[in-house]
C-alpha cells in the first residue's frame, strides 16, 4: 500500500475517490432519512392532508377544509398545472424549495405565494372556471386582463 501511495497522481486519485465515496454515502444516507422522515412518498399523491405534513401549512389546510372548494378541489388542483409533466415539475420544484425553507427556517412568518406559483394558481382558476372567465374577458377586459386571485384572495383558504 505504501508503494502505491508513492505516486502523486495515484495518491490524489485515491483521496479524491475516498472523499467522493464518503460524501456520496453521507448525502445518500441523510437524503434517504429525510425522505422517509418527511413522508416523501406521500407527496406523489393528491391527498390534501399531505400538504399539512409541515406544521406551517396547517392553517392553510384548515382554511381549505372550511372553504367551498373542499367539495370540488384538492391542493394539487389549484397549485399544480393540469398536465402530467407540469404537475410533477411544479411539485418537484416546490418540494425542493419547501424542504430548504422549512429545514433552515428561512421563510417569512406570513407565507406568500411566489410569482411562478401565483401564475399556476391563476391558470387553475381559469381552467376550472373557463366559461365564466371567457364571458368576463369578452366584455371589454381582454384575455387575461383580470387577475382572479387579486379579488378572490380567500376562496380556497378561508380564515
Protein backbone atom coordinates (compact mmCIF):
# COMPACT_ATOMS: atom_id res chain seq x y z
CA UNK A 1 0.00 0.00 0.00
CA UNK A 2 2.86 2.39 0.82
CA UNK A 3 4.39 1.87 -2.66
CA UNK A 4 1.00 2.55 -4.21
CA UNK A 5 0.70 5.93 -2.46
CA UNK A 6 4.19 6.95 -3.55
CA UNK A 7 2.86 8.08 -6.94
CA UNK A 8 1.36 11.56 -6.63
CA UNK A 9 -1.41 11.07 -9.18
CA UNK A 10 -2.44 7.74 -7.62
CA UNK A 11 -2.47 9.31 -4.16
CA UNK A 12 -4.69 12.16 -5.40
CA UNK A 13 -6.99 9.73 -7.14
CA UNK A 14 -7.20 7.58 -4.01
CA UNK A 15 -8.05 10.52 -1.72
CA UNK A 16 -10.48 12.03 -4.24
CA UNK A 17 -12.25 8.66 -4.53
CA UNK A 18 -12.32 8.29 -0.78
CA UNK A 19 -13.74 11.82 -0.35
CA UNK A 20 -16.31 11.23 -3.10
CA UNK A 21 -17.37 7.90 -1.59
CA UNK A 22 -17.78 9.29 1.92
CA UNK A 23 -19.58 12.42 0.68
CA UNK A 24 -21.90 10.41 -1.55
CA UNK A 25 -22.68 7.92 1.19
CA UNK A 26 -23.34 10.67 3.70
CA UNK A 27 -25.53 12.59 1.24
CA UNK A 28 -27.45 9.47 0.27
CA UNK A 29 -27.93 8.48 3.91
CA UNK A 30 -29.12 11.92 5.04
CA UNK A 31 -31.31 12.26 1.94
CA UNK A 32 -32.91 8.86 2.47
CA UNK A 33 -33.51 9.51 6.16
CA UNK A 34 -35.02 12.93 5.39
CA UNK A 35 -37.20 11.50 2.60
CA UNK A 36 -38.69 8.86 4.90
CA UNK A 37 -38.89 11.16 7.96
CA UNK A 38 -40.68 13.82 5.87
CA UNK A 39 -43.04 11.20 4.37
CA UNK A 40 -41.65 11.85 0.89
CA UNK A 41 -43.76 9.27 -0.92
CA UNK A 42 -46.94 10.94 0.34
CA UNK A 43 -46.20 13.92 -1.92
CA UNK A 44 -46.69 11.75 -5.01
CA UNK A 45 -50.46 11.55 -4.45
CA UNK A 46 -53.29 14.11 -4.39
CA UNK A 47 -54.31 13.72 -0.74
CA UNK A 48 -54.86 17.20 0.71
CA UNK A 49 -53.72 16.08 4.17
CA UNK A 50 -50.24 15.64 2.72
CA UNK A 51 -49.92 19.40 2.44
CA UNK A 52 -50.39 19.67 6.22
CA UNK A 53 -47.34 17.43 6.88
CA UNK A 54 -45.47 20.66 7.61
CA UNK A 55 -46.91 22.45 10.63
CA UNK A 56 -46.72 25.87 8.95
CA UNK A 57 -49.21 24.67 6.33
CA UNK A 58 -51.79 23.53 8.91
CA UNK A 59 -53.55 26.91 8.90
CA UNK A 60 -53.94 26.75 5.10
CA UNK A 61 -55.22 23.18 5.25
CA UNK A 62 -57.74 24.14 7.96
CA UNK A 63 -58.87 27.06 5.79
CA UNK A 64 -59.34 24.75 2.80
CA UNK A 65 -61.45 22.36 4.94
CA UNK A 66 -63.88 25.26 5.62
CA UNK A 67 -63.91 26.54 2.03
CA UNK A 68 -66.38 25.85 -0.77
CA UNK A 69 -63.57 24.31 -2.82
CA UNK A 70 -63.16 21.35 -0.43
CA UNK A 71 -66.04 19.59 -2.20
CA UNK A 72 -64.52 20.00 -5.67
CA UNK A 73 -60.74 20.50 -5.45
CA UNK A 74 -57.66 19.40 -3.55
CA UNK A 75 -54.39 21.31 -3.22
CA UNK A 76 -52.94 19.97 -6.48
CA UNK A 77 -55.99 21.07 -8.46
CA UNK A 78 -55.21 24.70 -7.68
CA UNK A 79 -51.46 24.68 -7.08
CA UNK A 80 -50.15 22.50 -9.94
CA UNK A 81 -50.74 22.60 -13.71
CA UNK A 82 -53.35 20.30 -15.22
CA UNK A 83 -50.90 18.15 -17.19
CA UNK A 84 -48.66 15.29 -16.07
CA UNK A 85 -45.26 16.87 -16.75
CA UNK A 86 -46.21 20.31 -15.43
CA UNK A 87 -47.77 18.89 -12.29
CA UNK A 88 -44.74 16.84 -11.26
CA UNK A 89 -42.27 19.54 -12.31
CA UNK A 90 -44.02 22.11 -10.07
CA UNK A 91 -44.29 19.56 -7.25
CA UNK A 92 -40.54 18.81 -7.51
CA UNK A 93 -39.53 22.49 -7.62
CA UNK A 94 -41.81 23.37 -4.72
CA UNK A 95 -40.66 20.31 -2.80
CA UNK A 96 -37.03 21.37 -3.06
CA UNK A 97 -37.90 24.96 -2.13
CA UNK A 98 -40.11 23.94 0.80
CA UNK A 99 -37.59 21.38 2.06
CA UNK A 100 -34.87 24.02 2.11
CA UNK A 101 -37.09 26.71 3.65
CA UNK A 102 -38.61 24.53 6.36
CA UNK A 103 -35.33 22.80 7.22
CA UNK A 104 -33.39 26.05 7.54
CA UNK A 105 -36.26 28.17 8.88
CA UNK A 106 -35.64 30.77 6.15
CA UNK A 107 -39.23 31.70 5.35
CA UNK A 108 -41.40 34.61 6.44
CA UNK A 109 -43.97 34.20 9.22
CA UNK A 110 -46.67 35.24 6.77
CA UNK A 111 -46.09 32.80 3.91
CA UNK A 112 -46.55 34.42 0.49
CA UNK A 113 -47.10 32.67 -2.82
CA UNK A 114 -44.18 33.05 -5.22
CA UNK A 115 -44.81 34.65 -8.65
CA UNK A 116 -44.47 31.37 -10.60
CA UNK A 117 -46.86 29.58 -8.26
CA UNK A 118 -49.26 32.51 -8.48
CA UNK A 119 -49.32 32.07 -12.27
CA UNK A 120 -50.03 28.35 -11.86
CA UNK A 121 -52.90 29.09 -9.47
CA UNK A 122 -54.30 31.79 -11.76
CA UNK A 123 -54.17 29.25 -14.61
CA UNK A 124 -56.04 26.72 -12.46
CA UNK A 125 -58.79 29.26 -11.72
CA UNK A 126 -59.14 29.97 -15.43
CA UNK A 127 -59.06 26.24 -16.26
CA UNK A 128 -61.88 25.27 -13.91
CA UNK A 129 -63.96 28.41 -14.38
CA UNK A 130 -63.31 28.87 -18.10
CA UNK A 131 -66.93 29.63 -19.05
CA UNK A 132 -67.21 32.47 -16.55
CA UNK A 133 -63.73 33.83 -17.32
CA UNK A 134 -64.41 33.81 -21.07
CA UNK A 135 -67.54 35.89 -20.51
CA UNK A 136 -65.75 38.37 -18.26
CA UNK A 137 -62.84 38.66 -20.68
CA UNK A 138 -65.22 39.02 -23.63
CA UNK A 139 -66.92 42.09 -22.18
CA UNK A 140 -64.11 44.56 -22.51
CA UNK A 141 -61.40 43.35 -20.21
CA UNK A 142 -59.46 41.37 -22.79
CA UNK A 143 -57.91 37.93 -22.32
CA UNK A 144 -56.10 37.51 -19.02
CA UNK A 145 -56.57 41.22 -18.13
CA UNK A 146 -58.17 40.32 -14.83
CA UNK A 147 -56.36 38.59 -12.01
CA UNK A 148 -58.71 36.11 -10.29
CA UNK A 149 -56.56 35.83 -7.16
CA UNK A 150 -56.40 39.60 -6.62
CA UNK A 151 -60.14 39.79 -5.94
CA UNK A 152 -60.75 36.24 -4.67
CA UNK A 153 -57.89 36.01 -2.17
CA UNK A 154 -59.53 33.65 0.31
CA UNK A 155 -61.60 31.39 -1.96
CA UNK A 156 -59.51 28.27 -1.37
CA UNK A 157 -58.32 29.07 2.15
CA UNK A 158 -60.94 30.64 4.42
CA UNK A 159 -59.64 32.15 7.63
